[in-house]
C-alpha atoms as a PDB file:
ATOM      1  CA  MET A   1     -56.853  16.273  -9.410  1.00  0.00           C
ATOM      2  CA  SER A   2     -54.017  16.719 -11.864  1.00  0.00           C
ATOM      3  CA  GLY A   3     -51.258  19.194 -11.117  1.00  0.00           C
ATOM      4  CA  ILE A   4     -50.702  22.460 -12.943  1.00  0.00           C
ATOM      5  CA  PHE A   5     -47.540  21.040 -14.471  1.00  0.00           C
ATOM      6  CA  ALA A   6     -49.133  17.863 -15.798  1.00  0.00           C
ATOM      7  CA  LYS A   7     -47.717  18.574 -19.280  1.00  0.00           C
ATOM      8  CA  PRO A   8     -44.307  20.073 -18.595  1.00  0.00           C
ATOM      9  CA  GLU A   9     -42.204  21.918 -21.075  1.00  0.00           C
ATOM     10  CA  GLU A  10     -38.470  22.454 -20.982  1.00  0.00           C
ATOM     11  CA  ILE A  11     -37.877  25.476 -18.781  1.00  0.00           C
ATOM     12  CA  GLN A  12     -34.799  27.666 -19.213  1.00  0.00           C
ATOM     13  CA  TYR A  13     -34.341  30.481 -16.734  1.00  0.00           C
ATOM     14  CA  GLU A  14     -30.651  30.584 -15.899  1.00  0.00           C
ATOM     15  CA  ASN A  15     -28.996  33.852 -14.942  1.00  0.00           C
ATOM     16  CA  SER A  16     -25.482  35.284 -14.849  1.00  0.00           C
ATOM     17  CA  TYR A  17     -24.768  33.199 -11.743  1.00  0.00           C
ATOM     18  CA  GLY A  18     -25.386  30.011 -13.714  1.00  0.00           C
ATOM     19  CA  ILE A  19     -28.171  28.743 -11.450  1.00  0.00           C
ATOM     20  CA  LYS A  20     -31.918  28.259 -11.736  1.00  0.00           C
ATOM     21  CA  VAL A  21     -34.000  30.074  -9.127  1.00  0.00           C
ATOM     22  CA  MET A  22     -37.659  29.413  -8.354  1.00  0.00           C
ATOM     23  CA  PHE A  23     -39.992  31.412  -6.119  1.00  0.00           C
ATOM     24  CA  LEU A  24     -42.916  29.864  -4.223  1.00  0.00           C
ATOM     25  CA  HIS A  25     -45.399  32.562  -3.236  1.00  0.00           C
ATOM     26  CA  GLY A  26     -47.457  32.900  -0.081  1.00  0.00           C
ATOM     27  CA  LEU A  27     -51.141  32.371   0.605  1.00  0.00           C
ATOM     28  CA  GLU A  28     -52.147  35.739  -0.818  1.00  0.00           C
ATOM     29  CA  GLY A  29     -49.342  35.865  -3.341  1.00  0.00           C
ATOM     30  CA  ARG A  30     -50.127  37.011  -6.870  1.00  0.00           C
ATOM     31  CA  GLY A  31     -47.822  34.565  -8.606  1.00  0.00           C
ATOM     32  CA  PRO A  32     -45.486  36.187 -11.139  1.00  0.00           C
ATOM     33  CA  ALA A  33     -47.235  39.565 -10.594  1.00  0.00           C
ATOM     34  CA  GLY A  34     -46.276  39.779  -6.905  1.00  0.00           C
ATOM     35  CA  THR A  35     -43.702  42.202  -5.533  1.00  0.00           C
ATOM     36  CA  LYS A  36     -41.204  39.547  -4.451  1.00  0.00           C
ATOM     37  CA  ALA A  37     -41.669  37.591  -7.668  1.00  0.00           C
ATOM     38  CA  LYS A  38     -40.972  40.668  -9.778  1.00  0.00           C
ATOM     39  CA  SER A  39     -37.869  41.549  -7.775  1.00  0.00           C
ATOM     40  CA  LEU A  40     -36.475  38.028  -8.021  1.00  0.00           C
ATOM     41  CA  SER A  41     -37.309  37.837 -11.705  1.00  0.00           C
ATOM     42  CA  ALA A  42     -35.443  41.080 -12.391  1.00  0.00           C
ATOM     43  CA  GLU A  43     -32.365  40.020 -10.420  1.00  0.00           C
ATOM     44  CA  TRP A  44     -32.299  36.259 -10.922  1.00  0.00           C
ATOM     45  CA  ASN A  45     -34.561  35.556 -13.901  1.00  0.00           C
ATOM     46  CA  SER A  46     -36.539  33.355 -11.514  1.00  0.00           C
ATOM     47  CA  LEU A  47     -39.553  31.215 -12.292  1.00  0.00           C
ATOM     48  CA  CYS A  48     -42.681  31.706 -10.182  1.00  0.00           C
ATOM     49  CA  PRO A  49     -45.415  29.090 -10.598  1.00  0.00           C
ATOM     50  CA  SER A  50     -48.932  30.066  -9.549  1.00  0.00           C
ATOM     51  CA  LEU A  51     -50.105  27.812  -6.729  1.00  0.00           C
ATOM     52  CA  ARG A  52     -53.776  27.031  -6.109  1.00  0.00           C
ATOM     53  CA  THR A  53     -54.613  28.323  -2.629  1.00  0.00           C
ATOM     54  CA  ARG A  54     -58.412  28.674  -2.638  1.00  0.00           C
ATOM     55  CA  ASP A  55     -59.064  26.003   0.003  1.00  0.00           C
ATOM     56  CA  LEU A  56     -56.396  27.353   2.352  1.00  0.00           C
ATOM     57  CA  VAL A  57     -57.690  30.906   1.915  1.00  0.00           C
ATOM     58  CA  SER A  58     -61.186  29.701   2.830  1.00  0.00           C
ATOM     59  CA  LEU A  59     -59.845  28.013   5.955  1.00  0.00           C
ATOM     60  CA  ARG A  60     -57.961  31.109   7.026  1.00  0.00           C
ATOM     61  CA  GLN A  61     -61.113  33.188   6.650  1.00  0.00           C
ATOM     62  CA  LYS A  62     -63.014  30.615   8.672  1.00  0.00           C
ATOM     63  CA  CYS A  63     -60.585  30.814  11.594  1.00  0.00           C
ATOM     64  CA  ASP A  64     -59.728  34.525  11.172  1.00  0.00           C
ATOM     65  CA  GLY A  65     -56.064  33.656  10.879  1.00  0.00           C
ATOM     66  CA  GLN A  66     -55.993  31.594  14.092  1.00  0.00           C
ATOM     67  CA  TRP A  67     -54.788  28.358  12.538  1.00  0.00           C
ATOM     68  CA  SER A  68     -54.505  26.605  15.901  1.00  0.00           C
ATOM     69  CA  ALA A  69     -58.305  26.740  16.185  1.00  0.00           C
ATOM     70  CA  LEU A  70     -58.657  24.377  13.218  1.00  0.00           C
ATOM     71  CA  ASP A  71     -58.303  20.632  13.007  1.00  0.00           C
ATOM     72  CA  GLN A  72     -54.874  19.808  11.612  1.00  0.00           C
ATOM     73  CA  SER A  73     -56.464  17.302   9.248  1.00  0.00           C
ATOM     74  CA  ASP A  74     -58.446  20.120   7.592  1.00  0.00           C
ATOM     75  CA  ILE A  75     -55.275  22.162   7.150  1.00  0.00           C
ATOM     76  CA  ASP A  76     -53.448  19.140   5.748  1.00  0.00           C
ATOM     77  CA  ASP A  77     -56.203  18.501   3.203  1.00  0.00           C
ATOM     78  CA  ALA A  78     -56.213  22.122   1.999  1.00  0.00           C
ATOM     79  CA  PHE A  79     -52.413  22.241   1.987  1.00  0.00           C
ATOM     80  CA  GLU A  80     -52.150  19.292  -0.376  1.00  0.00           C
ATOM     81  CA  THR A  81     -53.198  21.190  -3.513  1.00  0.00           C
ATOM     82  CA  PRO A  82     -50.586  23.984  -3.426  1.00  0.00           C
ATOM     83  CA  TYR A  83     -48.028  21.451  -2.208  1.00  0.00           C
ATOM     84  CA  SER A  84     -48.651  19.174  -5.191  1.00  0.00           C
ATOM     85  CA  ASP A  85     -48.480  22.179  -7.533  1.00  0.00           C
ATOM     86  CA  ALA A  86     -45.111  23.191  -6.091  1.00  0.00           C
ATOM     87  CA  ARG A  87     -43.849  19.608  -6.164  1.00  0.00           C
ATOM     88  CA  ASP A  88     -44.680  19.345  -9.851  1.00  0.00           C
ATOM     89  CA  ALA A  89     -43.069  22.704 -10.566  1.00  0.00           C
ATOM     90  CA  VAL A  90     -39.853  21.637  -8.819  1.00  0.00           C
ATOM     91  CA  ARG A  91     -39.791  18.279 -10.578  1.00  0.00           C
ATOM     92  CA  TYR A  92     -40.120  19.841 -14.008  1.00  0.00           C
ATOM     93  CA  GLY A  93     -38.292  23.129 -13.476  1.00  0.00           C
ATOM     94  CA  LYS A  94     -35.380  21.492 -11.620  1.00  0.00           C
ATOM     95  CA  PRO A  95     -34.272  24.659  -9.766  1.00  0.00           C
ATOM     96  CA  ASP A  96     -30.933  24.865  -7.975  1.00  0.00           C
ATOM     97  CA  LEU A  97     -32.248  27.351  -5.417  1.00  0.00           C
ATOM     98  CA  VAL A  98     -35.803  27.949  -4.184  1.00  0.00           C
ATOM     99  CA  VAL A  99     -36.952  31.119  -2.457  1.00  0.00           C
ATOM    100  CA  ALA A 100     -40.270  30.696  -0.658  1.00  0.00           C
ATOM    101  CA  SER A 101     -42.534  33.039   1.266  1.00  0.00           C
ATOM    102  CA  SER A 102     -44.893  32.259   4.162  1.00  0.00           C
ATOM    103  CA  MET A 103     -47.118  29.385   2.943  1.00  0.00           C
ATOM    104  CA  GLY A 104     -44.603  28.767   0.161  1.00  0.00           C
ATOM    105  CA  ALA A 105     -41.895  28.375   2.787  1.00  0.00           C
ATOM    106  CA  ALA A 106     -43.958  25.743   4.609  1.00  0.00           C
ATOM    107  CA  ILE A 107     -44.323  23.961   1.272  1.00  0.00           C
ATOM    108  CA  LEU A 108     -40.571  24.217   0.681  1.00  0.00           C
ATOM    109  CA  PHE A 109     -39.868  22.772   4.136  1.00  0.00           C
ATOM    110  CA  LYS A 110     -41.980  19.733   3.288  1.00  0.00           C
ATOM    111  CA  LEU A 111     -40.487  19.391  -0.198  1.00  0.00           C
ATOM    112  CA  ILE A 112     -37.021  19.194   1.344  1.00  0.00           C
ATOM    113  CA  ALA A 113     -38.126  16.872   4.133  1.00  0.00           C
ATOM    114  CA  GLU A 114     -39.715  14.490   1.616  1.00  0.00           C
ATOM    115  CA  GLY A 115     -36.657  14.541  -0.644  1.00  0.00           C
ATOM    116  CA  GLU A 116     -38.469  16.315  -3.483  1.00  0.00           C
ATOM    117  CA  PHE A 117     -36.004  19.220  -3.486  1.00  0.00           C
ATOM    118  CA  THR A 118     -32.319  18.813  -2.653  1.00  0.00           C
ATOM    119  CA  GLY A 119     -30.949  22.254  -3.510  1.00  0.00           C
ATOM    120  CA  THR A 120     -30.473  25.509  -1.619  1.00  0.00           C
ATOM    121  CA  ALA A 121     -33.351  27.196   0.234  1.00  0.00           C
ATOM    122  CA  VAL A 122     -34.327  30.706   1.291  1.00  0.00           C
ATOM    123  CA  PHE A 123     -37.212  30.698   3.769  1.00  0.00           C
ATOM    124  CA  CYS A 124     -39.005  34.077   3.969  1.00  0.00           C
ATOM    125  CA  ALA A 125     -41.336  34.664   6.937  1.00  0.00           C
ATOM    126  CA  ALA A 126     -42.017  30.939   6.964  1.00  0.00           C
ATOM    127  CA  ALA A 127     -45.498  29.802   8.029  1.00  0.00           C
ATOM    128  CA  ILE A 128     -44.231  26.358   8.983  1.00  0.00           C
ATOM    129  CA  GLY A 129     -45.528  26.648  12.541  1.00  0.00           C
ATOM    130  CA  ASN A 130     -48.941  27.788  11.291  1.00  0.00           C
ATOM    131  CA  LEU A 131     -49.555  25.130   8.661  1.00  0.00           C
ATOM    132  CA  LEU A 132     -47.557  21.993   9.411  1.00  0.00           C
ATOM    133  CA  ALA A 133     -48.290  19.729  12.360  1.00  0.00           C
ATOM    134  CA  ASP A 134     -45.890  20.033  15.288  1.00  0.00           C
ATOM    135  CA  SER A 135     -45.439  16.260  15.238  1.00  0.00           C
ATOM    136  CA  TYR A 136     -44.406  16.397  11.571  1.00  0.00           C
ATOM    137  CA  VAL A 137     -41.905  19.192  12.150  1.00  0.00           C
ATOM    138  CA  ASP A 138     -40.463  17.429  15.204  1.00  0.00           C
ATOM    139  CA  ASP A 139     -40.040  14.223  13.202  1.00  0.00           C
ATOM    140  CA  VAL A 140     -38.206  16.143  10.462  1.00  0.00           C
ATOM    141  CA  LEU A 141     -35.842  17.680  12.999  1.00  0.00           C
ATOM    142  CA  LEU A 142     -35.222  14.282  14.535  1.00  0.00           C
ATOM    143  CA  ASN A 143     -34.908  12.113  11.448  1.00  0.00           C
ATOM    144  CA  LYS A 144     -34.511  14.236   8.317  1.00  0.00           C
ATOM    145  CA  LYS A 145     -32.101  17.017   9.220  1.00  0.00           C
ATOM    146  CA  ASP A 146     -29.592  15.680   6.722  1.00  0.00           C
ATOM    147  CA  ASN A 147     -32.016  16.555   3.905  1.00  0.00           C
ATOM    148  CA  PHE A 148     -31.387  20.239   4.583  1.00  0.00           C
ATOM    149  CA  ARG A 149     -28.253  21.808   3.210  1.00  0.00           C
ATOM    150  CA  ALA A 150     -27.378  25.509   2.986  1.00  0.00           C
ATOM    151  CA  SER A 151     -30.384  27.631   3.944  1.00  0.00           C
ATOM    152  CA  VAL A 152     -31.114  31.253   4.787  1.00  0.00           C
ATOM    153  CA  TRP A 153     -34.071  32.349   6.894  1.00  0.00           C
ATOM    154  CA  LEU A 154     -35.310  35.897   6.276  1.00  0.00           C
ATOM    155  CA  LEU A 155     -37.499  37.312   9.034  1.00  0.00           C
ATOM    156  CA  GLY A 156     -39.463  40.546   9.363  1.00  0.00           C
ATOM    157  CA  GLU A 157     -38.556  42.178  12.681  1.00  0.00           C
ATOM    158  CA  THR A 158     -42.162  43.141  13.487  1.00  0.00           C
ATOM    159  CA  ASP A 159     -43.902  40.128  11.938  1.00  0.00           C
ATOM    160  CA  ILE A 160     -47.039  39.253  13.917  1.00  0.00           C
ATOM    161  CA  VAL A 161     -48.405  36.654  11.472  1.00  0.00           C
ATOM    162  CA  VAL A 162     -45.787  33.971  12.061  1.00  0.00           C
ATOM    163  CA  SER A 163     -43.528  33.306  15.028  1.00  0.00           C
ATOM    164  CA  ASN A 164     -39.983  34.574  14.546  1.00  0.00           C
ATOM    165  CA  LYS A 165     -39.005  32.619  17.646  1.00  0.00           C
ATOM    166  CA  HIS A 166     -40.227  29.379  16.061  1.00  0.00           C
ATOM    167  CA  ASN A 167     -38.448  30.103  12.789  1.00  0.00           C
ATOM    168  CA  MET A 168     -35.215  30.965  14.555  1.00  0.00           C
ATOM    169  CA  ARG A 169     -35.422  27.679  16.437  1.00  0.00           C
ATOM    170  CA  LEU A 170     -35.851  25.813  13.169  1.00  0.00           C
ATOM    171  CA  ALA A 171     -33.015  27.708  11.525  1.00  0.00           C
ATOM    172  CA  LYS A 172     -30.700  26.892  14.422  1.00  0.00           C
ATOM    173  CA  ALA A 173     -31.693  23.221  14.448  1.00  0.00           C
ATOM    174  CA  LEU A 174     -31.080  22.940  10.691  1.00  0.00           C
ATOM    175  CA  GLY A 175     -27.845  24.917  10.616  1.00  0.00           C
ATOM    176  CA  GLY A 176     -29.381  27.788   8.672  1.00  0.00           C
ATOM    177  CA  SER A 177     -28.356  31.441   8.621  1.00  0.00           C
ATOM    178  CA  VAL A 178     -30.806  34.085   9.865  1.00  0.00           C
ATOM    179  CA  ILE A 179     -31.275  37.561   8.378  1.00  0.00           C
ATOM    180  CA  VAL A 180     -33.672  40.013  10.031  1.00  0.00           C
ATOM    181  CA  SER A 181     -35.171  42.861   8.005  1.00  0.00           C
ATOM    182  CA  PRO A 182     -35.386  45.857  10.411  1.00  0.00           C
ATOM    183  CA  GLY A 183     -38.848  47.282  11.066  1.00  0.00           C
ATOM    184  CA  ASP A 184     -40.367  44.898   8.549  1.00  0.00           C
ATOM    185  CA  GLY A 185     -43.630  42.985   8.735  1.00  0.00           C
ATOM    186  CA  HIS A 186     -44.807  39.684   7.351  1.00  0.00           C
ATOM    187  CA  ARG A 187     -44.898  40.803   3.739  1.00  0.00           C
ATOM    188  CA  LEU A 188     -41.227  41.836   3.888  1.00  0.00           C
ATOM    189  CA  ASN A 189     -41.855  44.898   1.730  1.00  0.00           C
ATOM    190  CA  LYS A 190     -38.868  46.690   3.241  1.00  0.00           C
ATOM    191  CA  ALA A 191     -36.649  43.701   2.501  1.00  0.00           C
ATOM    192  CA  VAL A 192     -37.604  44.001  -1.146  1.00  0.00           C
ATOM    193  CA  GLU A 193     -37.178  47.790  -1.263  1.00  0.00           C
ATOM    194  CA  SER A 194     -33.801  47.722   0.499  1.00  0.00           C
ATOM    195  CA  ASN A 195     -32.545  44.754  -1.549  1.00  0.00           C
ATOM    196  CA  ILE A 196     -32.226  42.562   1.565  1.00  0.00           C
ATOM    197  CA  LEU A 197     -34.248  39.870  -0.195  1.00  0.00           C
ATOM    198  CA  ASN A 198     -31.796  39.630  -3.074  1.00  0.00           C
ATOM    199  CA  ALA A 199     -28.918  39.761  -0.584  1.00  0.00           C
ATOM    200  CA  ALA A 200     -30.443  36.758   1.199  1.00  0.00           C
ATOM    201  CA  VAL A 201     -30.546  34.837  -2.082  1.00  0.00           C
ATOM    202  CA  LEU A 202     -26.936  35.737  -2.844  1.00  0.00           C
ATOM    203  CA  THR A 203     -25.929  34.656   0.669  1.00  0.00           C
ATOM    204  CA  ALA A 204     -27.639  31.293   0.201  1.00  0.00           C
ATOM    205  CA  PHE A 205     -25.923  30.848  -3.165  1.00  0.00           C
ATOM    206  CA  GLU A 206     -22.505  31.652  -1.686  1.00  0.00           C
ATOM    207  CA  LEU A 207     -23.084  29.314   1.277  1.00  0.00           C
ATOM    208  CA  SER A 208     -23.990  26.486  -1.075  1.00  0.00           C
ATOM    209  CA  SER A 209     -20.673  26.977  -2.862  1.00  0.00           C
ATOM    210  CA  LEU A 210     -18.565  26.498   0.280  1.00  0.00           C
END
C-alpha cells in the first residue's frame, strides 16, 4: 500500500522562530481539524498530516481499550499504516520539531528510534506502553538512547488511558523534561486552553538550542 505522501510537494511552513513544526495526531485525532492541531497551527504554523488509523481503531474497539489483551503482532500490523504515513510525512516535510499525541507519540518514538527523525520531540500523553512491544522499547532504551536529543513529555495529571508512570520512566531514561498539566485528562484539553501545550513546544525549542 502506497503512503499518503507518495507524490510529495515542497512544503513551506516556517514560523517566526525559523523552524518547521509538525503535529502527529492520536488515534481519534481529526487531523488538521483537531483542537491541538488548530492551536499549534495558529502559534507555530505547523503541518498536520492525516494518518490512517482505521485498523487500529477496529482493534481498540475489539479489546475495549485493553491493549494488553491483544496479540502484539496484531497491534504491530495495524500500527504499520499510520507509522508509514507519518514516516513519509517526516521525510518529505523535513520538520525540525515534531509534536505528537497519544498514538502519534508512539509513532514518533519509533521514528526516532529507527533514525527516521533526528530533530526535537514533544511527546503528549504518549501511548508508547499501549502500542509498542515492551521488548522493543527496552531495546531502544538499551541500544538507541543516543538517537534521542532534546525532548519534552507533556502528561495529563488525571490521565487514565496511558500510564504516566511509564512515560515518566521513559522521559527519565532518555533525558527528557516532564511537564504535567494539572487536572487534565488524556486529551489534554486544559493544556491547550491554558497554553501549556504551546509552552511545552517552546521549552523543547529552547532546550534544542542549548
